[in-house]
Amino acid sequence: NAASVAEGAVLLMLAALRRLLELDRATREGRGWPADPSLGETVRDIGGCTVGLVGYGNIAKRVERIVVAMGTPPSAVLHTSTRDDGHPGWRPLPDLLAASDIVSLHLPLTDRSLGLLDATALARMKPEAVLVNTSRGAIVDEIALTEALRAGRLAAAGLDVFATEPVAPDNPLLSLANVVLTPHVTWYTVDTMRRYLTHAVDNCRRLHEGQ
């Protein structure tokens, strides 16, 4: 499902960066014209951003290829992992958070990653930065994230995952206009399901043939 999740992560980046939900509502309500003069100061192109990838597996590497194709210079794509992996762009997490305009999470939930983005980590991010999470909700301290978004210490977030799923209706993140939400479905496309079946059939064939 790496291809689908990578595209879903970029979708959330774009929606958050370009204030998609807010502009959709304004257009439907007849408030889209004249254009909000603040757009030119508050929305950004991915190609003009430094993109920080927390975790550097298959999904993160696909995200990297997509954002580079969209104009982000390769030197502006940073990543972190459990150790310096020797690839260009590696940064320790505190440095990555401080330098990135977009921070996208691509790591499993473990004892080490639980609550990794807490209040201290979020405070290292730029106030105009966007956080995207398509990995696991509990990696982020949702209370600290809510407070940062409300206080303007973080511009926006795009979230596909939550600490508790299905997300509770009283989760304060649901009430914030600068948060784009999807219900843990970035992986769930017809193309992913087709690939699942193809791999399953191939595994059955190899098992049958003693491979």
C-alpha atoms as a PDB file:
ATOM      1  CA  ASN A   1       0.000   0.000   0.000  1.00  0.00           C
ATOM      2  CA  ALA A   2       3.047   2.304  -0.055  1.00  0.00           C
ATOM      3  CA  ALA A   3       2.052   4.055  -3.287  1.00  0.00           C
ATOM      4  CA  SER A   4      -1.448   4.841  -2.027  1.00  0.00           C
ATOM      5  CA  VAL A   5      -0.298   6.068   1.393  1.00  0.00           C
ATOM      6  CA  ALA A   6       2.382   8.256  -0.187  1.00  0.00           C
ATOM      7  CA  GLU A   7      -0.170   9.903  -2.462  1.00  0.00           C
ATOM      8  CA  GLY A   8      -2.532  10.296   0.498  1.00  0.00           C
ATOM      9  CA  ALA A   9       0.181  12.036   2.493  1.00  0.00           C
ATOM     10  CA  VAL A  10       0.820  14.483  -0.339  1.00  0.00           C
ATOM     11  CA  LEU A  11      -2.945  15.026  -0.663  1.00  0.00           C
ATOM     12  CA  LEU A  12      -3.074  16.071   3.007  1.00  0.00           C
ATOM     13  CA  MET A  13      -0.032  18.304   2.546  1.00  0.00           C
ATOM     14  CA  LEU A  14      -1.698  20.126  -0.334  1.00  0.00           C
ATOM     15  CA  ALA A  15      -5.075  20.411   1.388  1.00  0.00           C
ATOM     16  CA  ALA A  16      -3.485  21.893   4.505  1.00  0.00           C
ATOM     17  CA  LEU A  17      -1.031  24.153   2.669  1.00  0.00           C
ATOM     18  CA  ARG A  18      -3.676  25.535   0.297  1.00  0.00           C
ATOM     19  CA  ARG A  19      -6.456  25.920   2.921  1.00  0.00           C
ATOM     20  CA  LEU A  20      -8.618  23.647   0.794  1.00  0.00           C
ATOM     21  CA  LEU A  21     -11.455  23.034   3.262  1.00  0.00           C
ATOM     22  CA  GLU A  22     -11.792  26.690   4.176  1.00  0.00           C
ATOM     23  CA  LEU A  23     -11.880  27.768   0.527  1.00  0.00           C
ATOM     24  CA  ASP A  24     -14.326  25.013  -0.367  1.00  0.00           C
ATOM     25  CA  ARG A  25     -16.723  26.218   2.329  1.00  0.00           C
ATOM     26  CA  ALA A  26     -16.325  29.859   1.310  1.00  0.00           C
ATOM     27  CA  THR A  27     -17.057  29.040  -2.332  1.00  0.00           C
ATOM     28  CA  ARG A  28     -20.173  27.023  -1.468  1.00  0.00           C
ATOM     29  CA  GLU A  29     -21.415  29.898   0.705  1.00  0.00           C
ATOM     30  CA  GLY A  30     -20.784  32.525  -1.967  1.00  0.00           C
ATOM     31  CA  ARG A  31     -17.869  34.039  -0.064  1.00  0.00           C
ATOM     32  CA  GLY A  32     -15.152  33.014  -2.496  1.00  0.00           C
ATOM     33  CA  TRP A  33     -15.127  36.315  -4.402  1.00  0.00           C
ATOM     34  CA  PRO A  34     -13.348  38.624  -4.156  1.00  0.00           C
ATOM     35  CA  ALA A  35     -10.438  36.442  -3.157  1.00  0.00           C
ATOM     36  CA  ASP A  36      -9.183  36.658   0.391  1.00  0.00           C
ATOM     37  CA  PRO A  37      -6.118  38.950   0.150  1.00  0.00           C
ATOM     38  CA  SER A  38      -4.421  36.888   2.856  1.00  0.00           C
ATOM     39  CA  LEU A  39      -4.119  33.917   0.488  1.00  0.00           C
ATOM     40  CA  GLY A  40      -0.931  35.287  -1.014  1.00  0.00           C
ATOM     41  CA  GLU A  41       0.596  35.393   2.454  1.00  0.00           C
ATOM     42  CA  THR A  42      -0.738  32.142   3.910  1.00  0.00           C
ATOM     43  CA  VAL A  43      -0.838  29.469   1.197  1.00  0.00           C
ATOM     44  CA  ARG A  44       2.236  27.839  -0.289  1.00  0.00           C
ATOM     45  CA  ASP A  45       3.424  25.566  -3.057  1.00  0.00           C
ATOM     46  CA  ILE A  46       4.995  22.270  -2.053  1.00  0.00           C
ATOM     47  CA  GLY A  47       7.843  23.183  -4.396  1.00  0.00           C
ATOM     48  CA  GLY A  48       8.677  26.154  -2.217  1.00  0.00           C
ATOM     49  CA  CYS A  49       8.784  24.152   1.019  1.00  0.00           C
ATOM     50  CA  THR A  50      11.380  22.246   2.934  1.00  0.00           C
ATOM     51  CA  VAL A  51       9.829  18.820   3.494  1.00  0.00           C
ATOM     52  CA  GLY A  52      10.865  16.784   6.530  1.00  0.00           C
ATOM     53  CA  LEU A  53      10.165  13.050   6.545  1.00  0.00           C
ATOM     54  CA  VAL A  54      10.187  11.376   9.952  1.00  0.00           C
ATOM     55  CA  GLY A  55      11.009   7.775   9.111  1.00  0.00           C
ATOM     56  CA  TYR A  56      12.575   6.806   5.806  1.00  0.00           C
ATOM     57  CA  GLY A  57      11.035   3.575   4.581  1.00  0.00           C
ATOM     58  CA  ASN A  58       9.197   2.753   1.367  1.00  0.00           C
ATOM     59  CA  ILE A  59       6.387   5.259   1.888  1.00  0.00           C
ATOM     60  CA  ALA A  60       8.641   8.165   2.834  1.00  0.00           C
ATOM     61  CA  LYS A  61      10.893   7.527  -0.152  1.00  0.00           C
ATOM     62  CA  ARG A  62       7.869   7.593  -2.460  1.00  0.00           C
ATOM     63  CA  VAL A  63       6.747  10.870  -0.891  1.00  0.00           C
ATOM     64  CA  GLU A  64      10.227  12.223  -1.514  1.00  0.00           C
ATOM     65  CA  ARG A  65      10.027  11.331  -5.213  1.00  0.00           C
ATOM     66  CA  ILE A  66       6.599  12.958  -5.543  1.00  0.00           C
ATOM     67  CA  VAL A  67       7.508  16.252  -3.883  1.00  0.00           C
ATOM     68  CA  VAL A  68      10.730  16.486  -5.884  1.00  0.00           C
ATOM     69  CA  ALA A  69       8.677  15.961  -9.064  1.00  0.00           C
ATOM     70  CA  MET A  70       6.455  18.831  -7.864  1.00  0.00           C
ATOM     71  CA  GLY A  71       9.405  21.180  -7.646  1.00  0.00           C
ATOM     72  CA  THR A  72      10.910  20.732  -4.195  1.00  0.00           C
ATOM     73  CA  PRO A  73      14.702  20.772  -4.620  1.00  0.00           C
ATOM     74  CA  PRO A  74      16.227  17.435  -3.534  1.00  0.00           C
ATOM     75  CA  SER A  75      18.358  19.371  -1.062  1.00  0.00           C
ATOM     76  CA  ALA A  76      15.150  20.642   0.588  1.00  0.00           C
ATOM     77  CA  VAL A  77      13.878  17.134   1.386  1.00  0.00           C
ATOM     78  CA  LEU A  78      15.131  16.122   4.820  1.00  0.00           C
ATOM     79  CA  HIS A  79      14.631  12.864   6.650  1.00  0.00           C
ATOM     80  CA  THR A  80      15.404  11.251   9.949  1.00  0.00           C
ATOM     81  CA  SER A  81      15.609   7.645  11.057  1.00  0.00           C
ATOM     82  CA  THR A  82      16.902   5.733  14.057  1.00  0.00           C
ATOM     83  CA  ARG A  83      20.477   6.497  13.024  1.00  0.00           C
ATOM     84  CA  ASP A  84      22.380   8.369  10.335  1.00  0.00           C
ATOM     85  CA  ASP A  85      21.723   6.191   7.294  1.00  0.00           C
ATOM     86  CA  GLY A  86      24.264   7.918   5.069  1.00  0.00           C
ATOM     87  CA  HIS A  87      21.644   9.211   2.625  1.00  0.00           C
ATOM     88  CA  PRO A  88      21.724  12.910   1.707  1.00  0.00           C
ATOM     89  CA  GLY A  89      19.285  14.955   3.732  1.00  0.00           C
ATOM     90  CA  TRP A  90      19.536  13.001   6.984  1.00  0.00           C
ATOM     91  CA  ARG A  91      19.046  15.166  10.066  1.00  0.00           C
ATOM     92  CA  PRO A  92      18.507  14.416  13.743  1.00  0.00           C
ATOM     93  CA  LEU A  93      14.858  14.908  14.623  1.00  0.00           C
ATOM     94  CA  PRO A  94      15.201  18.258  16.478  1.00  0.00           C
ATOM     95  CA  ASP A  95      17.051  19.786  13.513  1.00  0.00           C
ATOM     96  CA  LEU A  96      14.543  18.398  11.009  1.00  0.00           C
ATOM     97  CA  LEU A  97      11.597  19.811  12.957  1.00  0.00           C
ATOM     98  CA  ALA A  98      13.180  23.252  13.166  1.00  0.00           C
ATOM     99  CA  ALA A  99      14.068  23.412   9.465  1.00  0.00           C
ATOM    100  CA  SER A 100      10.936  21.968   7.825  1.00  0.00           C
ATOM    101  CA  ASP A 101       7.881  23.727   6.440  1.00  0.00           C
ATOM    102  CA  ILE A 102       6.104  20.369   6.172  1.00  0.00           C
ATOM    103  CA  VAL A 103       6.724  17.515   8.602  1.00  0.00           C
ATOM    104  CA  SER A 104       5.310  14.164   7.474  1.00  0.00           C
ATOM    105  CA  LEU A 105       5.336  11.100   9.735  1.00  0.00           C
ATOM    106  CA  HIS A 106       6.228   7.681   8.287  1.00  0.00           C
ATOM    107  CA  LEU A 107       7.240   5.396  11.120  1.00  0.00           C
ATOM    108  CA  PRO A 108       5.703   2.526  13.083  1.00  0.00           C
ATOM    109  CA  LEU A 109       4.269   2.869  16.562  1.00  0.00           C
ATOM    110  CA  THR A 110       6.766   1.442  19.053  1.00  0.00           C
ATOM    111  CA  ASP A 111       7.786   2.150  22.630  1.00  0.00           C
ATOM    112  CA  ARG A 112      10.314   4.621  21.227  1.00  0.00           C
ATOM    113  CA  SER A 113       7.913   6.439  18.909  1.00  0.00           C
ATOM    114  CA  LEU A 114       4.927   6.634  21.283  1.00  0.00           C
ATOM    115  CA  GLY A 115       4.339  10.339  21.927  1.00  0.00           C
ATOM    116  CA  LEU A 116       7.424  11.235  19.902  1.00  0.00           C
ATOM    117  CA  LEU A 117       5.897  14.519  18.786  1.00  0.00           C
ATOM    118  CA  ASP A 118       5.062  15.937  22.183  1.00  0.00           C
ATOM    119  CA  ALA A 119       4.765  19.570  23.229  1.00  0.00           C
ATOM    120  CA  THR A 120       8.544  19.996  23.271  1.00  0.00           C
ATOM    121  CA  ALA A 121       8.962  18.566  19.785  1.00  0.00           C
ATOM    122  CA  LEU A 122       6.051  20.568  18.353  1.00  0.00           C
ATOM    123  CA  ALA A 123       7.519  23.748  19.842  1.00  0.00           C
ATOM    124  CA  ARG A 124      10.595  23.226  17.673  1.00  0.00           C
ATOM    125  CA  MET A 125       8.525  23.521  14.498  1.00  0.00           C
ATOM    126  CA  LYS A 126       8.004  26.764  12.612  1.00  0.00           C
ATOM    127  CA  PRO A 127       4.716  28.546  13.386  1.00  0.00           C
ATOM    128  CA  GLU A 128       3.894  28.480   9.656  1.00  0.00           C
ATOM    129  CA  ALA A 129       4.640  24.746   9.344  1.00  0.00           C
ATOM    130  CA  VAL A 130       2.226  21.927   8.541  1.00  0.00           C
ATOM    131  CA  LEU A 131       2.195  18.518  10.234  1.00  0.00           C
ATOM    132  CA  VAL A 132       0.967  15.452   8.328  1.00  0.00           C
ATOM    133  CA  ASN A 133       0.412  12.070   9.938  1.00  0.00           C
ATOM    134  CA  THR A 134      -0.466   8.966   7.914  1.00  0.00           C
ATOM    135  CA  SER A 135       1.363   6.505  10.180  1.00  0.00           C
ATOM    136  CA  ARG A 136      -0.108   6.038  13.676  1.00  0.00           C
ATOM    137  CA  GLY A 137      -2.010   8.542  15.755  1.00  0.00           C
ATOM    138  CA  ALA A 138      -0.332   7.860  19.089  1.00  0.00           C
ATOM    139  CA  ILE A 139       3.002   9.052  17.734  1.00  0.00           C
ATOM    140  CA  VAL A 140       1.622  12.571  18.233  1.00  0.00           C
ATOM    141  CA  ASP A 141       0.473  14.030  21.543  1.00  0.00           C
ATOM    142  CA  GLU A 142      -2.985  15.115  20.380  1.00  0.00           C
ATOM    143  CA  ILE A 143      -3.546  17.485  23.311  1.00  0.00           C
ATOM    144  CA  ALA A 144      -0.266  19.277  22.608  1.00  0.00           C
ATOM    145  CA  LEU A 145      -1.060  19.376  18.886  1.00  0.00           C
ATOM    146  CA  THR A 146      -4.496  20.874  19.532  1.00  0.00           C
ATOM    147  CA  GLU A 147      -3.005  23.563  21.754  1.00  0.00           C
ATOM    148  CA  ALA A 148      -0.318  24.420  19.194  1.00  0.00           C
ATOM    149  CA  LEU A 149      -2.868  24.709  16.385  1.00  0.00           C
ATOM    150  CA  ARG A 150      -5.241  26.831  18.471  1.00  0.00           C
ATOM    151  CA  ALA A 151      -2.486  29.163  19.600  1.00  0.00           C
ATOM    152  CA  GLY A 152      -1.037  29.686  16.123  1.00  0.00           C
ATOM    153  CA  ARG A 153       2.219  27.972  17.010  1.00  0.00           C
ATOM    154  CA  LEU A 154       1.551  25.637  14.098  1.00  0.00           C
ATOM    155  CA  ALA A 155      -0.249  26.619  10.903  1.00  0.00           C
ATOM    156  CA  ALA A 156      -2.155  23.460  10.051  1.00  0.00           C
ATOM    157  CA  ALA A 157      -2.278  19.681  10.212  1.00  0.00           C
ATOM    158  CA  GLY A 158      -3.403  16.879   7.919  1.00  0.00           C
ATOM    159  CA  LEU A 159      -4.318  13.740   9.857  1.00  0.00           C
ATOM    160  CA  ASP A 160      -5.361  10.309   8.641  1.00  0.00           C
ATOM    161  CA  VAL A 161      -4.772   8.580  11.980  1.00  0.00           C
ATOM    162  CA  PHE A 162      -5.690   9.152  15.610  1.00  0.00           C
ATOM    163  CA  ALA A 163      -4.674   7.819  19.004  1.00  0.00           C
ATOM    164  CA  THR A 164      -8.135   6.248  19.354  1.00  0.00           C
ATOM    165  CA  GLU A 165      -9.943   4.963  16.264  1.00  0.00           C
ATOM    166  CA  PRO A 166     -12.674   5.516  15.289  1.00  0.00           C
ATOM    167  CA  VAL A 167     -11.949   9.037  16.465  1.00  0.00           C
ATOM    168  CA  ALA A 168     -14.088  10.166  19.388  1.00  0.00           C
ATOM    169  CA  PRO A 169     -16.698  12.780  18.449  1.00  0.00           C
ATOM    170  CA  ASP A 170     -15.471  15.061  21.242  1.00  0.00           C
ATOM    171  CA  ASN A 171     -11.853  14.988  20.058  1.00  0.00           C
ATOM    172  CA  PRO A 172     -10.975  18.723  19.902  1.00  0.00           C
ATOM    173  CA  LEU A 173      -9.049  18.257  16.654  1.00  0.00           C
ATOM    174  CA  LEU A 174     -12.395  17.773  14.905  1.00  0.00           C
ATOM    175  CA  SER A 175     -13.435  21.329  15.735  1.00  0.00           C
ATOM    176  CA  LEU A 176     -10.376  23.094  14.304  1.00  0.00           C
ATOM    177  CA  ALA A 177     -10.688  24.790  10.922  1.00  0.00           C
ATOM    178  CA  ASN A 178      -6.951  24.426  10.226  1.00  0.00           C
ATOM    179  CA  VAL A 179      -7.017  20.622  10.384  1.00  0.00           C
ATOM    180  CA  VAL A 180      -7.778  18.319   7.439  1.00  0.00           C
ATOM    181  CA  LEU A 181      -9.017  14.894   8.510  1.00  0.00           C
ATOM    182  CA  THR A 182      -9.526  11.495   6.889  1.00  0.00           C
ATOM    183  CA  PRO A 183     -10.507   8.236   8.668  1.00  0.00           C
ATOM    184  CA  HIS A 184      -7.342   6.105   8.282  1.00  0.00           C
ATOM    185  CA  VAL A 185      -8.003   5.467   4.591  1.00  0.00           C
ATOM    186  CA  THR A 186      -4.966   6.795   2.728  1.00  0.00           C
ATOM    187  CA  TRP A 187      -3.991   3.164   2.028  1.00  0.00           C
ATOM    188  CA  TYR A 188      -7.457   2.104   0.896  1.00  0.00           C
ATOM    189  CA  THR A 189      -7.757   2.399  -2.881  1.00  0.00           C
ATOM    190  CA  VAL A 190      -8.787   0.051  -5.678  1.00  0.00           C
ATOM    191  CA  ASP A 191      -5.144   0.013  -6.757  1.00  0.00           C
ATOM    192  CA  THR A 192      -3.954  -1.132  -3.327  1.00  0.00           C
ATOM    193  CA  MET A 193      -6.576  -3.885  -3.260  1.00  0.00           C
ATOM    194  CA  ARG A 194      -5.512  -5.025  -6.730  1.00  0.00           C
ATOM    195  CA  ARG A 195      -1.879  -5.154  -5.618  1.00  0.00           C
ATOM    196  CA  TYR A 196      -2.860  -7.094  -2.483  1.00  0.00           C
ATOM    197  CA  LEU A 197      -4.609  -9.727  -4.617  1.00  0.00           C
ATOM    198  CA  THR A 198      -1.745  -9.908  -7.097  1.00  0.00           C
ATOM    199  CA  HIS A 199       0.795 -10.476  -4.325  1.00  0.00           C
ATOM    200  CA  ALA A 200      -1.462 -12.973  -2.555  1.00  0.00           C
ATOM    201  CA  VAL A 201      -1.932 -15.055  -5.693  1.00  0.00           C
ATOM    202  CA  ASP A 202       1.795 -14.905  -6.397  1.00  0.00           C
ATOM    203  CA  ASN A 203       2.572 -16.043  -2.841  1.00  0.00           C
ATOM    204  CA  CYS A 204       0.167 -18.966  -3.237  1.00  0.00           C
ATOM    205  CA  ARG A 205       1.820 -19.943  -6.505  1.00  0.00           C
ATOM    206  CA  ARG A 206       5.310 -19.832  -5.006  1.00  0.00           C
ATOM    207  CA  LEU A 207       4.167 -21.830  -1.972  1.00  0.00           C
ATOM    208  CA  HIS A 208       2.606 -24.446  -4.253  1.00  0.00           C
ATOM    209  CA  GLU A 209       5.827 -24.671  -6.270  1.00  0.00           C
ATOM    210  CA  GLY A 210       7.968 -25.062  -3.165  1.00  0.00           C
ATOM    211  CA  GLN A 211       9.638 -21.695  -3.469  1.00  0.00           C
END
